[in-house]
């Protein structure tokens, strides 16, 4: 079994991933899984045996890459502002926001492993990002100027809950940006497209090797 302590999780990540630049954000480096790292070859049953939930933090998903790219190229979105990276995973979006000049970033993900991954990835990129594993959907959003959310539309109930949360945050004054590569449950209304990218990925993660991925904001 994996040592459940914070340091134990960090050690596991270091042993089973490698530091590399995601294709769409070459100026960032993250500890990620690929075909030459041990975790890439583990089956779902093997992961369960060692007490590891699905390691979403070990991959740079297309929506997160697109959102990070947009933030890095449009720094005024986050510069000098308080940012929440919702469903942070590896932390790529929050790290991009700090590199783009955000005053502070709170990365939020209910998987505690994401906190360990974020600590390593933030350190590798020379930034500091705060982390919480609290479920933000269970209470009003913490005070923030900008909320960034990548790859949040995998399941309908979760999508509905997250969109309600983001709409409430927008009503409270936050700017909301969403990165999505055309997931089945992504809303078809109430959004304005800001950018479109072709993000390189892999068939182990997606249905094609390049995913058209868009960045959206909630419409006024």
Foldseek 3Di string as FASTA:
>chain_A
DFDPDLVSLLVVLPQFFDWAAFPLGRLFIFGAHDPVGDVLPDDCVRCVVVPHDPQQLRDCDQQNSVLLNVCLVVLVLAAQWEEEEEQQRLVSNVLSNVVSHHPAYEYEALDPSSVSRNVVRNVRNVHDHHYDNDDCLVDQHDDTQEYEYEDQFQDQVRQVSVVVNVVVVVVVHHWYKYKDQDHPNDDPDQKDWDDWDFGADDVVVDVDRTTTMTMITGDD
